[in-house]
Amino acid sequence: MSVVIWSDGRLYSPDEAVVTGVDHGLTVGDGVFETCAVYGGTAFALSRHLQRLRRSALGIGLAEPDLHAVREGVRAVLAAAGPDTGRLRITLTGGVGPLGSNRLPPEDQHQSLLVLAGPAVPSPVSRVVRVPWVRNERSAVAGLKTTSYAENVVAVAEAYRRGADEAVLANTVGELCEGTASNVFLERAGELVTPPLSSGCLAGITRELLLEWAAQEGLPVREAAPGELRYEVLDEVADGSAQLMMSGSIRNVSPVVSLDGAEVTAGPVSLEAQRLFQKRLADDLDP
């Protein structure tokens, strides 16, 4: 199926020009975005994703986004998209700007807003690799979902080169942090533990929902204390004394079955978390 694009009140096909060559999102990555899974023509957890879009936009200094316009675009692309649509992408940039990193004055800014719908092929399991690059937990954009994604492109390309579908990164102080497009959970001693936001990881919507739903259902899932999860805990996954799970908007909750090319076992709490997430997802598409 093709991708459907909406911007500035109208639909576009993938071969039509939508933004200018001097859009600040294109020249310097001055933008933010969100990705939602789509089920039966409905974007999952859209309200939470829009809240995070707003946080990210304000966090990098963009003006308040027009969330009513975003919802208009979402309705338009989902109405036009085919029944096999599985992914919604919302991108907001600083709009026309200088060729350098400085923005136009606020009164001269006109943001670019694009909403896209297209296919997605989620997998119930994940295959991950360790990579030498790190997240900077002290970055100006730590925890924000920005379009400055080049380091993720490099890391996930390395993962695919090695037969995996995701890379797991440390932060600059050697803590377990996140994947390139997912949050990470370590299973050991009968519980699932995910790095705290202070590690520099993104506040993932799936991560957030799993923590909430697990607490309601009595499933042992929690956020780690700062410094509790060192990157070296992945050695425990490799030797079979711990297990790993990834979460994200398209992969949902996905136990890891391969680390660095070697098979590993999905943990029982991870599998139960996966079942719980799918059950609660079916109950409410905008929790």
C-alpha atoms as a PDB file:
ATOM      1  CA  MET A   1       0.000   0.000   0.000  1.00  0.00           C
ATOM      2  CA  SER A   2       1.050   3.597  -0.490  1.00  0.00           C
ATOM      3  CA  VAL A   3       1.678   6.305   2.074  1.00  0.00           C
ATOM      4  CA  VAL A   4      -0.978   9.008   2.479  1.00  0.00           C
ATOM      5  CA  ILE A   5       0.263  12.493   3.385  1.00  0.00           C
ATOM      6  CA  TRP A   6      -1.626  15.472   4.783  1.00  0.00           C
ATOM      7  CA  SER A   7      -0.303  19.007   5.218  1.00  0.00           C
ATOM      8  CA  ASP A   8      -1.867  22.453   5.433  1.00  0.00           C
ATOM      9  CA  GLY A   9      -5.396  21.206   4.882  1.00  0.00           C
ATOM     10  CA  ARG A  10      -4.933  18.915   1.894  1.00  0.00           C
ATOM     11  CA  LEU A  11      -3.810  15.403   0.988  1.00  0.00           C
ATOM     12  CA  TYR A  12      -0.692  14.607  -1.038  1.00  0.00           C
ATOM     13  CA  SER A  13       0.673  11.522  -2.726  1.00  0.00           C
ATOM     14  CA  PRO A  14       4.235  10.389  -1.925  1.00  0.00           C
ATOM     15  CA  ASP A  15       5.599  11.760  -5.206  1.00  0.00           C
ATOM     16  CA  GLU A  16       4.309  15.319  -4.620  1.00  0.00           C
ATOM     17  CA  ALA A  17       6.486  18.039  -3.089  1.00  0.00           C
ATOM     18  CA  VAL A  18       5.224  19.071   0.350  1.00  0.00           C
ATOM     19  CA  VAL A  19       7.928  21.137   2.094  1.00  0.00           C
ATOM     20  CA  THR A  20      10.439  23.686   0.852  1.00  0.00           C
ATOM     21  CA  GLY A  21      14.147  23.016   0.631  1.00  0.00           C
ATOM     22  CA  VAL A  22      14.763  25.659   3.308  1.00  0.00           C
ATOM     23  CA  ASP A  23      12.440  24.077   5.865  1.00  0.00           C
ATOM     24  CA  HIS A  24      14.376  24.149   9.148  1.00  0.00           C
ATOM     25  CA  GLY A  25      13.400  20.572   9.834  1.00  0.00           C
ATOM     26  CA  LEU A  26      15.107  19.532   6.610  1.00  0.00           C
ATOM     27  CA  THR A  27      18.215  21.706   6.860  1.00  0.00           C
ATOM     28  CA  VAL A  28      19.108  21.232  10.537  1.00  0.00           C
ATOM     29  CA  GLY A  29      16.621  18.727  11.982  1.00  0.00           C
ATOM     30  CA  ASP A  30      14.656  21.422  13.828  1.00  0.00           C
ATOM     31  CA  GLY A  31      11.536  19.400  14.460  1.00  0.00           C
ATOM     32  CA  VAL A  32       9.726  16.814  16.537  1.00  0.00           C
ATOM     33  CA  PHE A  33       7.593  13.825  15.660  1.00  0.00           C
ATOM     34  CA  GLU A  34       5.343  11.053  16.942  1.00  0.00           C
ATOM     35  CA  THR A  35       4.574   7.577  15.657  1.00  0.00           C
ATOM     36  CA  CYS A  36       1.352   5.756  16.561  1.00  0.00           C
ATOM     37  CA  ALA A  37       0.221   2.264  15.740  1.00  0.00           C
ATOM     38  CA  VAL A  38      -3.072   2.092  13.860  1.00  0.00           C
ATOM     39  CA  TYR A  39      -5.677  -0.580  14.608  1.00  0.00           C
ATOM     40  CA  GLY A  40      -8.843  -0.832  12.530  1.00  0.00           C
ATOM     41  CA  GLY A  41      -8.433   2.720  11.266  1.00  0.00           C
ATOM     42  CA  THR A  42      -7.825   4.231  14.736  1.00  0.00           C
ATOM     43  CA  ALA A  43      -4.533   5.655  15.984  1.00  0.00           C
ATOM     44  CA  PHE A  44      -3.615   4.024  19.295  1.00  0.00           C
ATOM     45  CA  ALA A  45      -3.081   6.271  22.353  1.00  0.00           C
ATOM     46  CA  LEU A  46      -3.345   9.379  20.187  1.00  0.00           C
ATOM     47  CA  SER A  47      -4.074  11.721  23.108  1.00  0.00           C
ATOM     48  CA  ARG A  48      -0.912  10.650  24.947  1.00  0.00           C
ATOM     49  CA  HIS A  49       1.138  10.973  21.775  1.00  0.00           C
ATOM     50  CA  LEU A  50      -0.161  14.508  21.216  1.00  0.00           C
ATOM     51  CA  GLN A  51       0.732  15.452  24.788  1.00  0.00           C
ATOM     52  CA  ARG A  52       4.267  14.244  24.164  1.00  0.00           C
ATOM     53  CA  LEU A  53       4.423  16.038  20.807  1.00  0.00           C
ATOM     54  CA  ARG A  54       3.619  19.248  22.654  1.00  0.00           C
ATOM     55  CA  ARG A  55       6.255  18.546  25.340  1.00  0.00           C
ATOM     56  CA  SER A  56       8.898  17.863  22.713  1.00  0.00           C
ATOM     57  CA  ALA A  57       8.012  20.949  20.662  1.00  0.00           C
ATOM     58  CA  LEU A  58       8.158  23.271  23.659  1.00  0.00           C
ATOM     59  CA  GLY A  59      11.271  21.471  24.877  1.00  0.00           C
ATOM     60  CA  ILE A  60      13.261  22.396  21.764  1.00  0.00           C
ATOM     61  CA  GLY A  61      11.833  25.915  21.676  1.00  0.00           C
ATOM     62  CA  LEU A  62       9.164  25.618  19.008  1.00  0.00           C
ATOM     63  CA  ALA A  63       5.912  27.500  19.425  1.00  0.00           C
ATOM     64  CA  GLU A  64       2.845  25.805  20.879  1.00  0.00           C
ATOM     65  CA  PRO A  65       1.651  23.279  18.281  1.00  0.00           C
ATOM     66  CA  ASP A  66      -1.906  23.440  16.958  1.00  0.00           C
ATOM     67  CA  LEU A  67      -3.200  20.088  18.183  1.00  0.00           C
ATOM     68  CA  HIS A  68      -6.608  20.701  16.596  1.00  0.00           C
ATOM     69  CA  ALA A  69      -4.871  20.892  13.221  1.00  0.00           C
ATOM     70  CA  VAL A  70      -2.970  17.689  14.037  1.00  0.00           C
ATOM     71  CA  ARG A  71      -6.224  15.873  14.759  1.00  0.00           C
ATOM     72  CA  GLU A  72      -7.688  17.217  11.509  1.00  0.00           C
ATOM     73  CA  GLY A  73      -4.719  15.743   9.651  1.00  0.00           C
ATOM     74  CA  VAL A  74      -5.052  12.432  11.490  1.00  0.00           C
ATOM     75  CA  ARG A  75      -8.720  12.162  10.534  1.00  0.00           C
ATOM     76  CA  ALA A  76      -7.947  12.997   6.909  1.00  0.00           C
ATOM     77  CA  VAL A  77      -5.142  10.477   6.371  1.00  0.00           C
ATOM     78  CA  LEU A  78      -6.899   7.650   8.196  1.00  0.00           C
ATOM     79  CA  ALA A  79     -10.067   8.242   6.180  1.00  0.00           C
ATOM     80  CA  ALA A  80      -8.045   8.124   2.953  1.00  0.00           C
ATOM     81  CA  ALA A  81      -5.739   5.255   3.893  1.00  0.00           C
ATOM     82  CA  GLY A  82      -6.407   1.622   3.120  1.00  0.00           C
ATOM     83  CA  PRO A  83      -7.530  -1.081   5.566  1.00  0.00           C
ATOM     84  CA  ASP A  84      -3.982  -2.392   5.972  1.00  0.00           C
ATOM     85  CA  THR A  85      -2.675   0.854   7.465  1.00  0.00           C
ATOM     86  CA  GLY A  86      -0.598   0.145  10.570  1.00  0.00           C
ATOM     87  CA  ARG A  87       1.354   3.317  11.267  1.00  0.00           C
ATOM     88  CA  LEU A  88       0.634   7.023  11.734  1.00  0.00           C
ATOM     89  CA  ARG A  89       3.452   9.572  11.680  1.00  0.00           C
ATOM     90  CA  ILE A  90       3.096  13.199  12.832  1.00  0.00           C
ATOM     91  CA  THR A  91       5.970  15.580  12.074  1.00  0.00           C
ATOM     92  CA  LEU A  92       6.198  19.209  13.208  1.00  0.00           C
ATOM     93  CA  THR A  93       9.120  21.414  12.164  1.00  0.00           C
ATOM     94  CA  GLY A  94      10.191  25.018  12.568  1.00  0.00           C
ATOM     95  CA  GLY A  95       9.163  25.713   8.968  1.00  0.00           C
ATOM     96  CA  VAL A  96      11.069  28.036   6.643  1.00  0.00           C
ATOM     97  CA  GLY A  97      14.304  29.130   8.274  1.00  0.00           C
ATOM     98  CA  PRO A  98      17.907  30.184   7.715  1.00  0.00           C
ATOM     99  CA  LEU A  99      20.469  27.702   6.429  1.00  0.00           C
ATOM    100  CA  GLY A 100      22.165  27.820   9.826  1.00  0.00           C
ATOM    101  CA  SER A 101      20.922  26.587  13.178  1.00  0.00           C
ATOM    102  CA  ASN A 102      19.382  29.904  14.300  1.00  0.00           C
ATOM    103  CA  ARG A 103      15.632  30.232  13.829  1.00  0.00           C
ATOM    104  CA  LEU A 104      13.622  33.093  12.398  1.00  0.00           C
ATOM    105  CA  PRO A 105      12.100  35.452  14.984  1.00  0.00           C
ATOM    106  CA  PRO A 106       8.898  34.023  16.493  1.00  0.00           C
ATOM    107  CA  GLU A 107       6.678  36.498  14.657  1.00  0.00           C
ATOM    108  CA  ASP A 108       8.105  35.313  11.316  1.00  0.00           C
ATOM    109  CA  GLN A 109       7.883  31.585  11.959  1.00  0.00           C
ATOM    110  CA  HIS A 110       5.352  29.352  10.205  1.00  0.00           C
ATOM    111  CA  GLN A 111       5.621  25.750  11.339  1.00  0.00           C
ATOM    112  CA  SER A 112       5.359  22.841   8.937  1.00  0.00           C
ATOM    113  CA  LEU A 113       2.960  20.111   9.997  1.00  0.00           C
ATOM    114  CA  LEU A 114       2.780  16.782   8.184  1.00  0.00           C
ATOM    115  CA  VAL A 115       0.646  13.763   9.039  1.00  0.00           C
ATOM    116  CA  LEU A 116       1.287  10.474   7.241  1.00  0.00           C
ATOM    117  CA  ALA A 117      -0.372   7.059   7.288  1.00  0.00           C
ATOM    118  CA  GLY A 118       1.253   3.940   5.917  1.00  0.00           C
ATOM    119  CA  PRO A 119       2.068   0.275   6.429  1.00  0.00           C
ATOM    120  CA  ALA A 120       3.729  -1.366   9.412  1.00  0.00           C
ATOM    121  CA  VAL A 121       4.897  -4.918   9.914  1.00  0.00           C
ATOM    122  CA  PRO A 122       5.269  -5.492  13.671  1.00  0.00           C
ATOM    123  CA  SER A 123       6.967  -8.588  15.041  1.00  0.00           C
ATOM    124  CA  PRO A 124       5.981 -10.299  18.302  1.00  0.00           C
ATOM    125  CA  VAL A 125       9.646 -10.749  19.242  1.00  0.00           C
ATOM    126  CA  SER A 126      12.789  -8.622  19.033  1.00  0.00           C
ATOM    127  CA  ARG A 127      16.377  -9.394  18.038  1.00  0.00           C
ATOM    128  CA  VAL A 128      18.890  -6.921  19.404  1.00  0.00           C
ATOM    129  CA  VAL A 129      22.598  -6.169  19.415  1.00  0.00           C
ATOM    130  CA  ARG A 130      24.906  -4.124  21.593  1.00  0.00           C
ATOM    131  CA  VAL A 131      26.600  -1.200  19.846  1.00  0.00           C
ATOM    132  CA  PRO A 132      29.524   1.043  20.879  1.00  0.00           C
ATOM    133  CA  TRP A 133      27.644   4.350  20.686  1.00  0.00           C
ATOM    134  CA  VAL A 134      25.915   6.009  23.637  1.00  0.00           C
ATOM    135  CA  ARG A 135      23.037   8.288  24.542  1.00  0.00           C
ATOM    136  CA  ASN A 136      23.977  11.611  26.123  1.00  0.00           C
ATOM    137  CA  GLU A 137      21.757  11.897  29.181  1.00  0.00           C
ATOM    138  CA  ARG A 138      22.840  15.552  29.531  1.00  0.00           C
ATOM    139  CA  SER A 139      21.969  16.502  25.948  1.00  0.00           C
ATOM    140  CA  ALA A 140      19.802  19.563  25.339  1.00  0.00           C
ATOM    141  CA  VAL A 141      17.272  17.239  23.690  1.00  0.00           C
ATOM    142  CA  ALA A 142      17.524  14.252  26.059  1.00  0.00           C
ATOM    143  CA  GLY A 143      14.109  12.671  26.467  1.00  0.00           C
ATOM    144  CA  LEU A 144      12.582  14.636  23.562  1.00  0.00           C
ATOM    145  CA  LYS A 145      11.396  12.979  20.361  1.00  0.00           C
ATOM    146  CA  THR A 146      13.138  15.083  17.751  1.00  0.00           C
ATOM    147  CA  THR A 147      13.716  14.630  14.033  1.00  0.00           C
ATOM    148  CA  SER A 148      17.493  14.791  14.602  1.00  0.00           C
ATOM    149  CA  TYR A 149      17.670  11.038  14.163  1.00  0.00           C
ATOM    150  CA  ALA A 150      20.984  10.417  12.411  1.00  0.00           C
ATOM    151  CA  GLU A 151      22.611   8.576  15.330  1.00  0.00           C
ATOM    152  CA  ASN A 152      19.632   6.221  15.450  1.00  0.00           C
ATOM    153  CA  VAL A 153      19.908   5.589  11.715  1.00  0.00           C
ATOM    154  CA  VAL A 154      23.565   4.622  12.120  1.00  0.00           C
ATOM    155  CA  ALA A 155      22.905   2.357  15.108  1.00  0.00           C
ATOM    156  CA  VAL A 156      19.909   0.530  13.658  1.00  0.00           C
ATOM    157  CA  ALA A 157      21.733   0.078  10.334  1.00  0.00           C
ATOM    158  CA  GLU A 158      24.443  -1.721  12.299  1.00  0.00           C
ATOM    159  CA  ALA A 159      21.777  -3.857  13.958  1.00  0.00           C
ATOM    160  CA  TYR A 160      20.316  -4.889  10.607  1.00  0.00           C
ATOM    161  CA  ARG A 161      23.783  -5.569   9.209  1.00  0.00           C
ATOM    162  CA  ARG A 162      24.223  -8.055  12.047  1.00  0.00           C
ATOM    163  CA  GLY A 163      20.862  -9.737  11.523  1.00  0.00           C
ATOM    164  CA  ALA A 164      18.944  -7.930  14.272  1.00  0.00           C
ATOM    165  CA  ASP A 165      16.124  -5.388  14.260  1.00  0.00           C
ATOM    166  CA  GLU A 166      17.183  -3.098  17.128  1.00  0.00           C
ATOM    167  CA  ALA A 167      20.292  -1.805  18.892  1.00  0.00           C
ATOM    168  CA  VAL A 168      20.538  -1.307  22.667  1.00  0.00           C
ATOM    169  CA  LEU A 169      22.536   1.678  23.913  1.00  0.00           C
ATOM    170  CA  ALA A 170      24.197   2.741  27.137  1.00  0.00           C
ATOM    171  CA  ASN A 171      24.394   6.360  28.260  1.00  0.00           C
ATOM    172  CA  THR A 172      27.614   8.298  28.850  1.00  0.00           C
ATOM    173  CA  VAL A 173      28.005   7.002  32.428  1.00  0.00           C
ATOM    174  CA  GLY A 174      27.615   3.341  31.503  1.00  0.00           C
ATOM    175  CA  GLU A 175      23.964   2.823  32.440  1.00  0.00           C
ATOM    176  CA  LEU A 176      21.535   0.808  30.356  1.00  0.00           C
ATOM    177  CA  CYS A 177      19.456   3.401  28.495  1.00  0.00           C
ATOM    178  CA  GLU A 178      17.242   2.416  25.546  1.00  0.00           C
ATOM    179  CA  GLY A 179      17.018   1.158  21.988  1.00  0.00           C
ATOM    180  CA  THR A 180      17.121   3.406  18.939  1.00  0.00           C
ATOM    181  CA  ALA A 181      13.316   3.474  18.742  1.00  0.00           C
ATOM    182  CA  SER A 182      12.247   1.572  21.827  1.00  0.00           C
ATOM    183  CA  ASN A 183      12.503   1.351  25.577  1.00  0.00           C
ATOM    184  CA  VAL A 184      14.223  -1.583  27.250  1.00  0.00           C
ATOM    185  CA  PHE A 185      13.174  -3.774  30.198  1.00  0.00           C
ATOM    186  CA  LEU A 186      15.403  -6.226  32.049  1.00  0.00           C
ATOM    187  CA  GLU A 187      13.795  -9.275  33.618  1.00  0.00           C
ATOM    188  CA  ARG A 188      15.487 -10.877  36.606  1.00  0.00           C
ATOM    189  CA  ALA A 189      14.491 -12.133  40.046  1.00  0.00           C
ATOM    190  CA  GLY A 190      10.872 -12.366  38.902  1.00  0.00           C
ATOM    191  CA  GLU A 191      10.352  -8.730  37.903  1.00  0.00           C
ATOM    192  CA  LEU A 192      10.723  -6.411  34.933  1.00  0.00           C
ATOM    193  CA  VAL A 193      12.791  -3.263  35.492  1.00  0.00           C
ATOM    194  CA  THR A 194      13.174  -0.390  33.026  1.00  0.00           C
ATOM    195  CA  PRO A 195      15.780   2.422  33.130  1.00  0.00           C
ATOM    196  CA  PRO A 196      14.593   5.682  34.736  1.00  0.00           C
ATOM    197  CA  LEU A 197      14.039   8.778  32.620  1.00  0.00           C
ATOM    198  CA  SER A 198      17.162  10.274  34.244  1.00  0.00           C
ATOM    199  CA  SER A 199      19.174   7.821  32.117  1.00  0.00           C
ATOM    200  CA  GLY A 200      18.313   9.952  29.079  1.00  0.00           C
ATOM    201  CA  CYS A 201      15.820   7.518  27.593  1.00  0.00           C
ATOM    202  CA  LEU A 202      12.627   8.651  25.909  1.00  0.00           C
ATOM    203  CA  ALA A 203       9.450   8.588  27.982  1.00  0.00           C
ATOM    204  CA  GLY A 204       7.874   5.994  25.717  1.00  0.00           C
ATOM    205  CA  ILE A 205       4.090   5.796  25.540  1.00  0.00           C
ATOM    206  CA  THR A 206       4.139   1.990  25.542  1.00  0.00           C
ATOM    207  CA  ARG A 207       6.554   2.057  28.498  1.00  0.00           C
ATOM    208  CA  GLU A 208       4.256   4.475  30.327  1.00  0.00           C
ATOM    209  CA  LEU A 209       1.150   2.384  29.712  1.00  0.00           C
ATOM    210  CA  LEU A 210       2.832  -0.867  30.690  1.00  0.00           C
ATOM    211  CA  LEU A 211       3.988   0.613  33.999  1.00  0.00           C
ATOM    212  CA  GLU A 212       0.444   1.826  34.693  1.00  0.00           C
ATOM    213  CA  TRP A 213      -1.345  -1.341  33.602  1.00  0.00           C
ATOM    214  CA  ALA A 214       1.108  -3.657  35.355  1.00  0.00           C
ATOM    215  CA  ALA A 215       0.589  -1.769  38.626  1.00  0.00           C
ATOM    216  CA  GLN A 216      -3.178  -2.133  38.244  1.00  0.00           C
ATOM    217  CA  GLU A 217      -2.932  -5.862  37.486  1.00  0.00           C
ATOM    218  CA  GLY A 218      -0.296  -6.713  40.102  1.00  0.00           C
ATOM    219  CA  LEU A 219       2.392  -7.612  37.566  1.00  0.00           C
ATOM    220  CA  PRO A 220       5.921  -6.894  38.895  1.00  0.00           C
ATOM    221  CA  VAL A 221       7.064  -4.136  36.523  1.00  0.00           C
ATOM    222  CA  ARG A 222       8.852  -1.029  37.811  1.00  0.00           C
ATOM    223  CA  GLU A 223      11.222   1.794  36.986  1.00  0.00           C
ATOM    224  CA  ALA A 224      14.784   1.265  38.179  1.00  0.00           C
ATOM    225  CA  ALA A 225      16.518   3.519  40.650  1.00  0.00           C
ATOM    226  CA  PRO A 226      19.182   5.780  39.099  1.00  0.00           C
ATOM    227  CA  GLY A 227      22.330   3.725  38.560  1.00  0.00           C
ATOM    228  CA  GLU A 228      20.623   0.394  39.305  1.00  0.00           C
ATOM    229  CA  LEU A 229      20.915  -0.957  35.754  1.00  0.00           C
ATOM    230  CA  ARG A 230      24.448  -0.876  34.434  1.00  0.00           C
ATOM    231  CA  TYR A 231      25.009  -1.684  30.761  1.00  0.00           C
ATOM    232  CA  GLU A 232      26.877  -4.783  31.906  1.00  0.00           C
ATOM    233  CA  VAL A 233      23.575  -6.372  32.958  1.00  0.00           C
ATOM    234  CA  LEU A 234      23.291  -7.422  29.320  1.00  0.00           C
ATOM    235  CA  ASP A 235      25.992  -9.993  30.116  1.00  0.00           C
ATOM    236  CA  GLU A 236      23.393 -11.635  32.364  1.00  0.00           C
ATOM    237  CA  VAL A 237      21.032 -11.825  29.410  1.00  0.00           C
ATOM    238  CA  ALA A 238      23.777 -13.405  27.315  1.00  0.00           C
ATOM    239  CA  ASP A 239      24.484 -16.079  29.938  1.00  0.00           C
ATOM    240  CA  GLY A 240      20.782 -16.802  30.510  1.00  0.00           C
ATOM    241  CA  SER A 241      20.474 -15.543  34.086  1.00  0.00           C
ATOM    242  CA  ALA A 242      18.282 -12.600  32.996  1.00  0.00           C
ATOM    243  CA  GLN A 243      15.992 -11.795  30.084  1.00  0.00           C
ATOM    244  CA  LEU A 244      15.338  -8.722  27.977  1.00  0.00           C
ATOM    245  CA  MET A 245      12.201  -7.091  26.570  1.00  0.00           C
ATOM    246  CA  MET A 246      11.675  -4.087  24.307  1.00  0.00           C
ATOM    247  CA  SER A 247       8.680  -1.765  24.025  1.00  0.00           C
ATOM    248  CA  GLY A 248       7.619   0.734  21.392  1.00  0.00           C
ATOM    249  CA  SER A 249       4.659   2.076  19.470  1.00  0.00           C
ATOM    250  CA  ILE A 250       4.894  -0.419  16.615  1.00  0.00           C
ATOM    251  CA  ARG A 251       6.529  -3.395  18.356  1.00  0.00           C
ATOM    252  CA  ASN A 252       4.311  -2.887  21.448  1.00  0.00           C
ATOM    253  CA  VAL A 253       5.721  -5.218  24.143  1.00  0.00           C
ATOM    254  CA  SER A 254       8.224  -7.543  22.526  1.00  0.00           C
ATOM    255  CA  PRO A 255      10.385 -10.149  24.329  1.00  0.00           C
ATOM    256  CA  VAL A 256      13.961 -10.444  23.060  1.00  0.00           C
ATOM    257  CA  VAL A 257      14.889 -13.825  21.557  1.00  0.00           C
ATOM    258  CA  SER A 258      18.353 -12.967  20.220  1.00  0.00           C
ATOM    259  CA  LEU A 259      21.222 -10.906  21.655  1.00  0.00           C
ATOM    260  CA  ASP A 260      24.318 -10.237  19.535  1.00  0.00           C
ATOM    261  CA  GLY A 261      23.345 -13.049  17.173  1.00  0.00           C
ATOM    262  CA  ALA A 262      22.920 -15.709  19.878  1.00  0.00           C
ATOM    263  CA  GLU A 263      19.516 -17.100  20.833  1.00  0.00           C
ATOM    264  CA  VAL A 264      18.205 -16.164  24.275  1.00  0.00           C
ATOM    265  CA  THR A 265      15.017 -17.162  26.082  1.00  0.00           C
ATOM    266  CA  ALA A 266      12.018 -14.898  26.543  1.00  0.00           C
ATOM    267  CA  GLY A 267      11.262 -14.424  30.238  1.00  0.00           C
ATOM    268  CA  PRO A 268       7.944 -15.488  31.823  1.00  0.00           C
ATOM    269  CA  VAL A 269       7.197 -12.000  33.174  1.00  0.00           C
ATOM    270  CA  SER A 270       7.972 -10.541  29.744  1.00  0.00           C
ATOM    271  CA  LEU A 271       5.528 -12.931  28.111  1.00  0.00           C
ATOM    272  CA  GLU A 272       2.871 -12.097  30.669  1.00  0.00           C
ATOM    273  CA  ALA A 273       3.502  -8.370  30.123  1.00  0.00           C
ATOM    274  CA  GLN A 274       3.025  -8.911  26.398  1.00  0.00           C
ATOM    275  CA  ARG A 275      -0.298 -10.681  26.989  1.00  0.00           C
ATOM    276  CA  LEU A 276      -1.434  -7.977  29.392  1.00  0.00           C
ATOM    277  CA  PHE A 277      -0.597  -5.181  26.951  1.00  0.00           C
ATOM    278  CA  GLN A 278      -2.469  -6.823  24.082  1.00  0.00           C
ATOM    279  CA  LYS A 279      -5.498  -7.401  26.317  1.00  0.00           C
ATOM    280  CA  ARG A 280      -5.641  -3.821  27.576  1.00  0.00           C
ATOM    281  CA  LEU A 281      -4.974  -2.421  24.092  1.00  0.00           C
ATOM    282  CA  ALA A 282      -8.045  -4.217  22.793  1.00  0.00           C
ATOM    283  CA  ASP A 283     -10.158  -2.691  25.568  1.00  0.00           C
ATOM    284  CA  ASP A 284      -9.318   0.952  24.862  1.00  0.00           C
ATOM    285  CA  LEU A 285      -7.553   2.461  21.830  1.00  0.00           C
ATOM    286  CA  ASP A 286      -7.074   5.863  23.463  1.00  0.00           C
ATOM    287  CA  PRO A 287      -6.178   5.078  27.096  1.00  0.00           C
END
